[in-house]
């Protein structure tokens, strides 16, 4: 999102880059440097994966799972973040 200078919303192929942070500016720069490594014998692919988790991961994911399992009511939150289990990735 920082590459596009936005904090919420949806990005697609037509969204213009408008980085507003050092990270947002450096990301396309490093991708362009990596792309320069490509040759006819060495293909470069840049994959933007969703958040990757595993069963014993640290951080907020396990806390969220515990909360969901213990809470009879879950708030209606419009969250569009994607996640993928490490074995599926």
PDB file of N, CA and C in Angstrom:
ATOM      1  N   UNK A   1       0.823  -1.188   0.000  1.00  0.00           N
ATOM      2  CA  UNK A   1       0.000   0.000   0.000  1.00  0.00           C
ATOM      3  C   UNK A   1       0.869   1.254   0.000  1.00  0.00           C
ATOM      4  N   UNK A   2       2.014   1.160   0.684  1.00  0.00           N
ATOM      5  CA  UNK A   2       2.861   2.359   0.752  1.00  0.00           C
ATOM      6  C   UNK A   2       3.459   2.722  -0.600  1.00  0.00           C
ATOM      7  N   UNK A   3       3.581   1.758  -1.503  1.00  0.00           N
ATOM      8  CA  UNK A   3       4.068   2.057  -2.855  1.00  0.00           C
ATOM      9  C   UNK A   3       3.058   2.950  -3.585  1.00  0.00           C
ATOM     10  N   UNK A   4       1.796   2.789  -3.227  1.00  0.00           N
ATOM     11  CA  UNK A   4       0.728   3.542  -3.887  1.00  0.00           C
ATOM     12  C   UNK A   4       0.290   4.760  -3.080  1.00  0.00           C
ATOM     13  N   UNK A   5       0.888   4.955  -1.910  1.00  0.00           N
ATOM     14  CA  UNK A   5       0.599   6.134  -1.107  1.00  0.00           C
ATOM     15  C   UNK A   5      -0.774   6.144  -0.478  1.00  0.00           C
ATOM     16  N   UNK A   6      -1.319   4.951  -0.213  1.00  0.00           N
ATOM     17  CA  UNK A   6      -2.639   4.873   0.417  1.00  0.00           C
ATOM     18  C   UNK A   6      -2.573   3.922   1.611  1.00  0.00           C
ATOM     19  N   UNK A   7      -3.502   4.087   2.536  1.00  0.00           N
ATOM     20  CA  UNK A   7      -3.548   3.236   3.717  1.00  0.00           C
ATOM     21  C   UNK A   7      -4.728   2.277   3.688  1.00  0.00           C
ATOM     22  N   UNK A   8      -5.749   2.607   2.925  1.00  0.00           N
ATOM     23  CA  UNK A   8      -6.919   1.736   2.825  1.00  0.00           C
ATOM     24  C   UNK A   8      -7.347   1.674   1.368  1.00  0.00           C
ATOM     25  N   UNK A   9      -8.205   0.731   1.077  1.00  0.00           N
ATOM     26  CA  UNK A   9      -8.732   0.619  -0.274  1.00  0.00           C
ATOM     27  C   UNK A   9      -8.188  -0.591  -1.001  1.00  0.00           C
ATOM     28  N   UNK A  10      -8.374  -0.587  -2.279  1.00  0.00           N
ATOM     29  CA  UNK A  10      -7.974  -1.712  -3.127  1.00  0.00           C
ATOM     30  C   UNK A  10      -7.038  -1.191  -4.204  1.00  0.00           C
ATOM     31  N   UNK A  11      -5.980  -1.936  -4.475  1.00  0.00           N
ATOM     32  CA  UNK A  11      -5.091  -1.583  -5.577  1.00  0.00           C
ATOM     33  C   UNK A  11      -5.234  -2.632  -6.667  1.00  0.00           C
ATOM     34  N   UNK A  12      -5.039  -2.208  -7.894  1.00  0.00           N
ATOM     35  CA  UNK A  12      -5.067  -3.145  -9.019  1.00  0.00           C
ATOM     36  C   UNK A  12      -4.038  -2.706 -10.049  1.00  0.00           C
ATOM     37  N   UNK A  13      -4.019  -3.331 -11.184  1.00  0.00           N
ATOM     38  CA  UNK A  13      -3.026  -3.075 -12.223  1.00  0.00           C
ATOM     39  C   UNK A  13      -3.053  -1.626 -12.713  1.00  0.00           C
ATOM     40  N   UNK A  14      -4.192  -0.960 -12.554  1.00  0.00           N
ATOM     41  CA  UNK A  14      -4.336   0.415 -13.037  1.00  0.00           C
ATOM     42  C   UNK A  14      -3.974   1.469 -11.990  1.00  0.00           C
ATOM     43  N   UNK A  15      -3.721   1.046 -10.746  1.00  0.00           N
ATOM     44  CA  UNK A  15      -3.415   1.986  -9.679  1.00  0.00           C
ATOM     45  C   UNK A  15      -2.021   2.573  -9.889  1.00  0.00           C
ATOM     46  N   UNK A  16      -1.922   3.882  -9.854  1.00  0.00           N
ATOM     47  CA  UNK A  16      -0.643   4.567 -10.043  1.00  0.00           C
ATOM     48  C   UNK A  16       0.186   4.537  -8.768  1.00  0.00           C
ATOM     49  N   UNK A  17       1.480   4.339  -8.930  1.00  0.00           N
ATOM     50  CA  UNK A  17       2.379   4.391  -7.785  1.00  0.00           C
ATOM     51  C   UNK A  17       2.545   5.843  -7.342  1.00  0.00           C
ATOM     52  N   UNK A  18       2.487   6.047  -6.027  1.00  0.00           N
ATOM     53  CA  UNK A  18       2.660   7.368  -5.444  1.00  0.00           C
ATOM     54  C   UNK A  18       3.229   7.187  -4.033  1.00  0.00           C
ATOM     55  N   UNK A  19       4.459   6.624  -3.929  1.00  0.00           N
ATOM     56  CA  UNK A  19       4.997   6.301  -2.602  1.00  0.00           C
ATOM     57  C   UNK A  19       5.161   7.531  -1.730  1.00  0.00           C
ATOM     58  N   UNK A  20       4.837   7.358  -0.429  1.00  0.00           N
ATOM     59  CA  UNK A  20       4.938   8.481   0.497  1.00  0.00           C
ATOM     60  C   UNK A  20       5.829   8.171   1.695  1.00  0.00           C
ATOM     61  N   UNK A  21       6.519   7.030   1.661  1.00  0.00           N
ATOM     62  CA  UNK A  21       7.453   6.665   2.725  1.00  0.00           C
ATOM     63  C   UNK A  21       8.741   6.163   2.089  1.00  0.00           C
ATOM     64  N   UNK A  22       9.784   6.071   2.905  1.00  0.00           N
ATOM     65  CA  UNK A  22      11.052   5.536   2.403  1.00  0.00           C
ATOM     66  C   UNK A  22      10.874   4.100   1.936  1.00  0.00           C
ATOM     67  N   UNK A  23      10.109   3.313   2.702  1.00  0.00           N
ATOM     68  CA  UNK A  23       9.843   1.931   2.296  1.00  0.00           C
ATOM     69  C   UNK A  23       9.104   1.899   0.960  1.00  0.00           C
ATOM     70  N   UNK A  24       8.087   2.718   0.821  1.00  0.00           N
ATOM     71  CA  UNK A  24       7.310   2.762  -0.413  1.00  0.00           C
ATOM     72  C   UNK A  24       8.142   3.155  -1.619  1.00  0.00           C
ATOM     73  N   UNK A  25       9.122   4.011  -1.397  1.00  0.00           N
ATOM     74  CA  UNK A  25      10.006   4.436  -2.491  1.00  0.00           C
ATOM     75  C   UNK A  25      11.052   3.376  -2.808  1.00  0.00           C
ATOM     76  N   UNK A  26      11.552   2.684  -1.781  1.00  0.00           N
ATOM     77  CA  UNK A  26      12.627   1.713  -1.996  1.00  0.00           C
ATOM     78  C   UNK A  26      12.136   0.399  -2.609  1.00  0.00           C
ATOM     79  N   UNK A  27      10.887   0.056  -2.381  1.00  0.00           N
ATOM     80  CA  UNK A  27      10.382  -1.228  -2.870  1.00  0.00           C
ATOM     81  C   UNK A  27      10.437  -1.337  -4.396  1.00  0.00           C
ATOM     82  N   UNK A  28       9.880  -0.410  -5.155  1.00  0.00           N
ATOM     83  CA  UNK A  28       9.987  -0.528  -6.610  1.00  0.00           C
ATOM     84  C   UNK A  28      11.433  -0.397  -7.097  1.00  0.00           C
ATOM     85  N   UNK A  29      12.235   0.382  -6.379  1.00  0.00           N
ATOM     86  CA  UNK A  29      13.644   0.525  -6.767  1.00  0.00           C
ATOM     87  C   UNK A  29      14.372  -0.804  -6.673  1.00  0.00           C
ATOM     88  N   UNK A  30      14.172  -1.538  -5.576  1.00  0.00           N
ATOM     89  CA  UNK A  30      14.860  -2.825  -5.437  1.00  0.00           C
ATOM     90  C   UNK A  30      14.294  -3.872  -6.393  1.00  0.00           C
ATOM     91  N   UNK A  31      12.994  -3.800  -6.676  1.00  0.00           N
ATOM     92  CA  UNK A  31      12.431  -4.729  -7.655  1.00  0.00           C
ATOM     93  C   UNK A  31      13.042  -4.479  -9.036  1.00  0.00           C
ATOM     94  N   UNK A  32      13.244  -3.227  -9.390  1.00  0.00           N
ATOM     95  CA  UNK A  32      13.874  -2.908 -10.676  1.00  0.00           C
ATOM     96  C   UNK A  32      15.316  -3.407 -10.721  1.00  0.00           C
ATOM     97  N   UNK A  33      16.028  -3.308  -9.606  1.00  0.00           N
ATOM     98  CA  UNK A  33      17.394  -3.831  -9.554  1.00  0.00           C
ATOM     99  C   UNK A  33      17.415  -5.350  -9.713  1.00  0.00           C
ATOM    100  N   UNK A  34      16.475  -6.027  -9.069  1.00  0.00           N
ATOM    101  CA  UNK A  34      16.388  -7.486  -9.186  1.00  0.00           C
ATOM    102  C   UNK A  34      16.057  -7.882 -10.622  1.00  0.00           C
ATOM    103  N   UNK A  35      15.163  -7.147 -11.267  1.00  0.00           N
ATOM    104  CA  UNK A  35      14.781  -7.455 -12.653  1.00  0.00           C
ATOM    105  C   UNK A  35      15.962  -7.359 -13.609  1.00  0.00           C
ATOM    106  N   UNK A  36      16.950  -6.544 -13.275  1.00  0.00           N
ATOM    107  CA  UNK A  36      18.141  -6.404 -14.126  1.00  0.00           C
ATOM    108  C   UNK A  36      18.980  -7.677 -14.154  1.00  0.00           C
ATOM    109  N   UNK A  37      18.754  -8.575 -13.199  1.00  0.00           N
ATOM    110  CA  UNK A  37      19.482  -9.846 -13.161  1.00  0.00           C
ATOM    111  C   UNK A  37      18.974 -10.843 -14.202  1.00  0.00           C
ATOM    112  N   UNK A  38      17.804 -10.573 -14.764  1.00  0.00           N
ATOM    113  CA  UNK A  38      17.195 -11.521 -15.691  1.00  0.00           C
ATOM    114  C   UNK A  38      17.983 -11.627 -16.995  1.00  0.00           C
ATOM    115  N   UNK A  39      18.139 -12.864 -17.441  1.00  0.00           N
ATOM    116  CA  UNK A  39      18.765 -13.163 -18.729  1.00  0.00           C
ATOM    117  C   UNK A  39      17.904 -14.212 -19.424  1.00  0.00           C
ATOM    118  N   UNK A  40      18.310 -14.630 -20.603  1.00  0.00           N
ATOM    119  CA  UNK A  40      17.549 -15.684 -21.294  1.00  0.00           C
ATOM    120  C   UNK A  40      17.632 -17.005 -20.534  1.00  0.00           C
ATOM    121  N   UNK A  41      18.690 -17.179 -19.732  1.00  0.00           N
ATOM    122  CA  UNK A  41      18.868 -18.418 -18.961  1.00  0.00           C
ATOM    123  C   UNK A  41      18.416 -18.300 -17.507  1.00  0.00           C
ATOM    124  N   UNK A  42      18.149 -17.088 -17.054  1.00  0.00           N
ATOM    125  CA  UNK A  42      17.780 -16.853 -15.660  1.00  0.00           C
ATOM    126  C   UNK A  42      16.560 -15.941 -15.612  1.00  0.00           C
ATOM    127  N   UNK A  43      15.418 -16.542 -15.332  1.00  0.00           N
ATOM    128  CA  UNK A  43      14.161 -15.787 -15.286  1.00  0.00           C
ATOM    129  C   UNK A  43      13.915 -15.276 -13.867  1.00  0.00           C
ATOM    130  N   UNK A  44      13.468 -14.052 -13.767  1.00  0.00           N
ATOM    131  CA  UNK A  44      13.167 -13.433 -12.479  1.00  0.00           C
ATOM    132  C   UNK A  44      11.658 -13.359 -12.309  1.00  0.00           C
ATOM    133  N   UNK A  45      11.193 -13.785 -11.142  1.00  0.00           N
ATOM    134  CA  UNK A  45       9.780 -13.648 -10.782  1.00  0.00           C
ATOM    135  C   UNK A  45       9.713 -13.003  -9.411  1.00  0.00           C
ATOM    136  N   UNK A  46       8.925 -11.974  -9.297  1.00  0.00           N
ATOM    137  CA  UNK A  46       8.731 -11.305  -8.012  1.00  0.00           C
ATOM    138  C   UNK A  46       7.322 -11.645  -7.547  1.00  0.00           C
ATOM    139  N   UNK A  47       7.257 -12.312  -6.406  1.00  0.00           N
ATOM    140  CA  UNK A  47       5.971 -12.772  -5.885  1.00  0.00           C
ATOM    141  C   UNK A  47       5.618 -11.962  -4.649  1.00  0.00           C
ATOM    142  N   UNK A  48       4.462 -11.366  -4.672  1.00  0.00           N
ATOM    143  CA  UNK A  48       3.941 -10.636  -3.519  1.00  0.00           C
ATOM    144  C   UNK A  48       2.942 -11.549  -2.817  1.00  0.00           C
ATOM    145  N   UNK A  49       3.414 -12.223  -1.806  1.00  0.00           N
ATOM    146  CA  UNK A  49       2.530 -13.154  -1.105  1.00  0.00           C
ATOM    147  C   UNK A  49       1.706 -12.420  -0.053  1.00  0.00           C
ATOM    148  N   UNK A  50       0.576 -12.996   0.318  1.00  0.00           N
ATOM    149  CA  UNK A  50      -0.168 -12.437   1.444  1.00  0.00           C
ATOM    150  C   UNK A  50       0.583 -12.750   2.737  1.00  0.00           C
ATOM    151  N   UNK A  51       0.029 -12.385   3.860  1.00  0.00           N
ATOM    152  CA  UNK A  51       0.631 -12.717   5.140  1.00  0.00           C
ATOM    153  C   UNK A  51       0.713 -14.229   5.269  1.00  0.00           C
ATOM    154  N   UNK A  52       1.901 -14.726   5.568  1.00  0.00           N
ATOM    155  CA  UNK A  52       2.122 -16.165   5.693  1.00  0.00           C
ATOM    156  C   UNK A  52       2.134 -16.517   7.178  1.00  0.00           C
ATOM    157  N   UNK A  53       1.416 -17.594   7.538  1.00  0.00           N
ATOM    158  CA  UNK A  53       1.396 -18.023   8.931  1.00  0.00           C
ATOM    159  C   UNK A  53       1.597 -19.519   9.007  1.00  0.00           C
ATOM    160  N   UNK A  54       1.951 -20.002  10.191  1.00  0.00           N
ATOM    161  CA  UNK A  54       2.050 -21.432  10.443  1.00  0.00           C
ATOM    162  C   UNK A  54       1.497 -21.708  11.824  1.00  0.00           C
ATOM    163  N   UNK A  55       1.320 -22.962  12.162  1.00  0.00           N
ATOM    164  CA  UNK A  55       0.594 -23.314  13.381  1.00  0.00           C
ATOM    165  C   UNK A  55       1.266 -22.823  14.659  1.00  0.00           C
ATOM    166  N   UNK A  56       2.572 -22.663  14.668  1.00  0.00           N
ATOM    167  CA  UNK A  56       3.273 -22.204  15.872  1.00  0.00           C
ATOM    168  C   UNK A  56       3.845 -20.800  15.709  1.00  0.00           C
ATOM    169  N   UNK A  57       3.243 -20.006  14.866  1.00  0.00           N
ATOM    170  CA  UNK A  57       3.791 -18.679  14.598  1.00  0.00           C
ATOM    171  C   UNK A  57       3.645 -17.770  15.808  1.00  0.00           C
ATOM    172  N   UNK A  58       4.562 -16.824  15.898  1.00  0.00           N
ATOM    173  CA  UNK A  58       4.510 -15.825  16.962  1.00  0.00           C
ATOM    174  C   UNK A  58       3.712 -14.628  16.456  1.00  0.00           C
ATOM    175  N   UNK A  59       3.364 -13.757  17.358  1.00  0.00           N
ATOM    176  CA  UNK A  59       2.719 -12.528  16.942  1.00  0.00           C
ATOM    177  C   UNK A  59       1.214 -12.548  17.102  1.00  0.00           C
ATOM    178  N   UNK A  60       0.565 -11.673  16.354  1.00  0.00           N
ATOM    179  CA  UNK A  60      -0.870 -11.436  16.523  1.00  0.00           C
ATOM    180  C   UNK A  60      -1.754 -12.560  16.019  1.00  0.00           C
ATOM    181  N   UNK A  61      -1.279 -13.377  15.102  1.00  0.00           N
ATOM    182  CA  UNK A  61      -2.160 -14.395  14.523  1.00  0.00           C
ATOM    183  C   UNK A  61      -2.682 -15.354  15.592  1.00  0.00           C
ATOM    184  N   UNK A  62      -1.788 -15.920  16.409  1.00  0.00           N
ATOM    185  CA  UNK A  62      -2.242 -16.859  17.439  1.00  0.00           C
ATOM    186  C   UNK A  62      -3.134 -16.182  18.464  1.00  0.00           C
ATOM    187  N   UNK A  63      -2.837 -14.933  18.797  1.00  0.00           N
ATOM    188  CA  UNK A  63      -3.698 -14.198  19.727  1.00  0.00           C
ATOM    189  C   UNK A  63      -5.097 -14.041  19.154  1.00  0.00           C
ATOM    190  N   UNK A  64      -5.179 -13.761  17.877  1.00  0.00           N
ATOM    191  CA  UNK A  64      -6.481 -13.616  17.221  1.00  0.00           C
ATOM    192  C   UNK A  64      -7.232 -14.946  17.205  1.00  0.00           C
ATOM    193  N   UNK A  65      -6.542 -16.034  16.906  1.00  0.00           N
ATOM    194  CA  UNK A  65      -7.180 -17.359  16.902  1.00  0.00           C
ATOM    195  C   UNK A  65      -7.736 -17.675  18.282  1.00  0.00           C
ATOM    196  N   UNK A  66      -6.952 -17.448  19.333  1.00  0.00           N
ATOM    197  CA  UNK A  66      -7.415 -17.720  20.704  1.00  0.00           C
ATOM    198  C   UNK A  66      -8.647 -16.887  21.028  1.00  0.00           C
ATOM    199  N   UNK A  67      -8.632 -15.621  20.635  1.00  0.00           N
ATOM    200  CA  UNK A  67      -9.775 -14.745  20.890  1.00  0.00           C
ATOM    201  C   UNK A  67     -11.025 -15.261  20.176  1.00  0.00           C
ATOM    202  N   UNK A  68     -10.881 -15.623  18.924  1.00  0.00           N
ATOM    203  CA  UNK A  68     -12.024 -16.101  18.138  1.00  0.00           C
ATOM    204  C   UNK A  68     -12.593 -17.385  18.732  1.00  0.00           C
ATOM    205  N   UNK A  69     -11.719 -18.277  19.196  1.00  0.00           N
ATOM    206  CA  UNK A  69     -12.186 -19.546  19.759  1.00  0.00           C
ATOM    207  C   UNK A  69     -12.887 -19.370  21.103  1.00  0.00           C
ATOM    208  N   UNK A  70     -12.545 -18.324  21.849  1.00  0.00           N
ATOM    209  CA  UNK A  70     -13.131 -18.108  23.171  1.00  0.00           C
ATOM    210  C   UNK A  70     -14.309 -17.153  23.172  1.00  0.00           C
ATOM    211  N   UNK A  71     -14.432 -16.335  22.153  1.00  0.00           N
ATOM    212  CA  UNK A  71     -15.456 -15.297  22.125  1.00  0.00           C
ATOM    213  C   UNK A  71     -16.703 -15.792  21.393  1.00  0.00           C
ATOM    214  N   UNK A  72     -17.852 -15.777  22.068  1.00  0.00           N
ATOM    215  CA  UNK A  72     -19.074 -16.235  21.404  1.00  0.00           C
ATOM    216  C   UNK A  72     -19.575 -15.257  20.338  1.00  0.00           C
ATOM    217  N   UNK A  73     -19.188 -13.984  20.469  1.00  0.00           N
ATOM    218  CA  UNK A  73     -19.630 -12.972  19.519  1.00  0.00           C
ATOM    219  C   UNK A  73     -18.383 -12.364  18.892  1.00  0.00           C
ATOM    220  N   UNK A  74     -18.380 -12.276  17.583  1.00  0.00           N
ATOM    221  CA  UNK A  74     -17.239 -11.688  16.891  1.00  0.00           C
ATOM    222  C   UNK A  74     -17.720 -10.437  16.175  1.00  0.00           C
ATOM    223  N   UNK A  75     -17.010  -9.325  16.327  1.00  0.00           N
ATOM    224  CA  UNK A  75     -17.473  -8.074  15.707  1.00  0.00           C
ATOM    225  C   UNK A  75     -17.479  -8.151  14.185  1.00  0.00           C
ATOM    226  N   UNK A  76     -18.387  -7.421  13.581  1.00  0.00           N
ATOM    227  CA  UNK A  76     -18.484  -7.370  12.127  1.00  0.00           C
ATOM    228  C   UNK A  76     -17.477  -6.340  11.621  1.00  0.00           C
ATOM    229  N   UNK A  77     -16.304  -6.830  11.210  1.00  0.00           N
ATOM    230  CA  UNK A  77     -15.233  -5.958  10.740  1.00  0.00           C
ATOM    231  C   UNK A  77     -14.973  -6.268   9.278  1.00  0.00           C
ATOM    232  N   UNK A  78     -14.931  -5.245   8.467  1.00  0.00           N
ATOM    233  CA  UNK A  78     -14.671  -5.405   7.042  1.00  0.00           C
ATOM    234  C   UNK A  78     -13.161  -5.437   6.826  1.00  0.00           C
ATOM    235  N   UNK A  79     -12.559  -6.616   6.992  1.00  0.00           N
ATOM    236  CA  UNK A  79     -11.111  -6.777   6.870  1.00  0.00           C
ATOM    237  C   UNK A  79     -10.815  -7.542   5.594  1.00  0.00           C
ATOM    238  N   UNK A  80     -10.039  -6.955   4.715  1.00  0.00           N
ATOM    239  CA  UNK A  80      -9.764  -7.576   3.425  1.00  0.00           C
ATOM    240  C   UNK A  80      -8.318  -8.024   3.297  1.00  0.00           C
ATOM    241  N   UNK A  81      -7.631  -8.214   4.417  1.00  0.00           N
ATOM    242  CA  UNK A  81      -6.263  -8.715   4.343  1.00  0.00           C
ATOM    243  C   UNK A  81      -6.298 -10.200   4.018  1.00  0.00           C
ATOM    244  N   UNK A  82      -5.326 -10.626   3.260  1.00  0.00           N
ATOM    245  CA  UNK A  82      -5.282 -12.040   2.906  1.00  0.00           C
ATOM    246  C   UNK A  82      -4.158 -12.739   3.645  1.00  0.00           C
ATOM    247  N   UNK A  83      -4.364 -14.021   3.905  1.00  0.00           N
ATOM    248  CA  UNK A  83      -3.370 -14.828   4.593  1.00  0.00           C
ATOM    249  C   UNK A  83      -3.293 -16.181   3.903  1.00  0.00           C
ATOM    250  N   UNK A  84      -2.135 -16.823   4.050  1.00  0.00           N
ATOM    251  CA  UNK A  84      -1.961 -18.153   3.482  1.00  0.00           C
ATOM    252  C   UNK A  84      -1.144 -18.981   4.477  1.00  0.00           C
ATOM    253  N   UNK A  85      -1.548 -20.230   4.667  1.00  0.00           N
ATOM    254  CA  UNK A  85      -0.812 -21.160   5.535  1.00  0.00           C
ATOM    255  C   UNK A  85       0.460 -21.579   4.828  1.00  0.00           C
ATOM    256  N   UNK A  86       1.567 -21.664   5.559  1.00  0.00           N
ATOM    257  CA  UNK A  86       2.880 -21.920   4.985  1.00  0.00           C
ATOM    258  C   UNK A  86       2.912 -23.185   4.109  1.00  0.00           C
ATOM    259  N   UNK A  87       2.213 -24.250   4.533  1.00  0.00           N
ATOM    260  CA  UNK A  87       2.216 -25.488   3.736  1.00  0.00           C
ATOM    261  C   UNK A  87       1.492 -25.334   2.409  1.00  0.00           C
ATOM    262  N   UNK A  88       0.556 -24.413   2.333  1.00  0.00           N
ATOM    263  CA  UNK A  88      -0.154 -24.172   1.087  1.00  0.00           C
ATOM    264  C   UNK A  88       0.693 -23.307   0.153  1.00  0.00           C
ATOM    265  N   UNK A  89       1.415 -22.338   0.745  1.00  0.00           N
ATOM    266  CA  UNK A  89       2.281 -21.476  -0.063  1.00  0.00           C
ATOM    267  C   UNK A  89       3.349 -22.307  -0.740  1.00  0.00           C
TER     268      UNK A  89
END
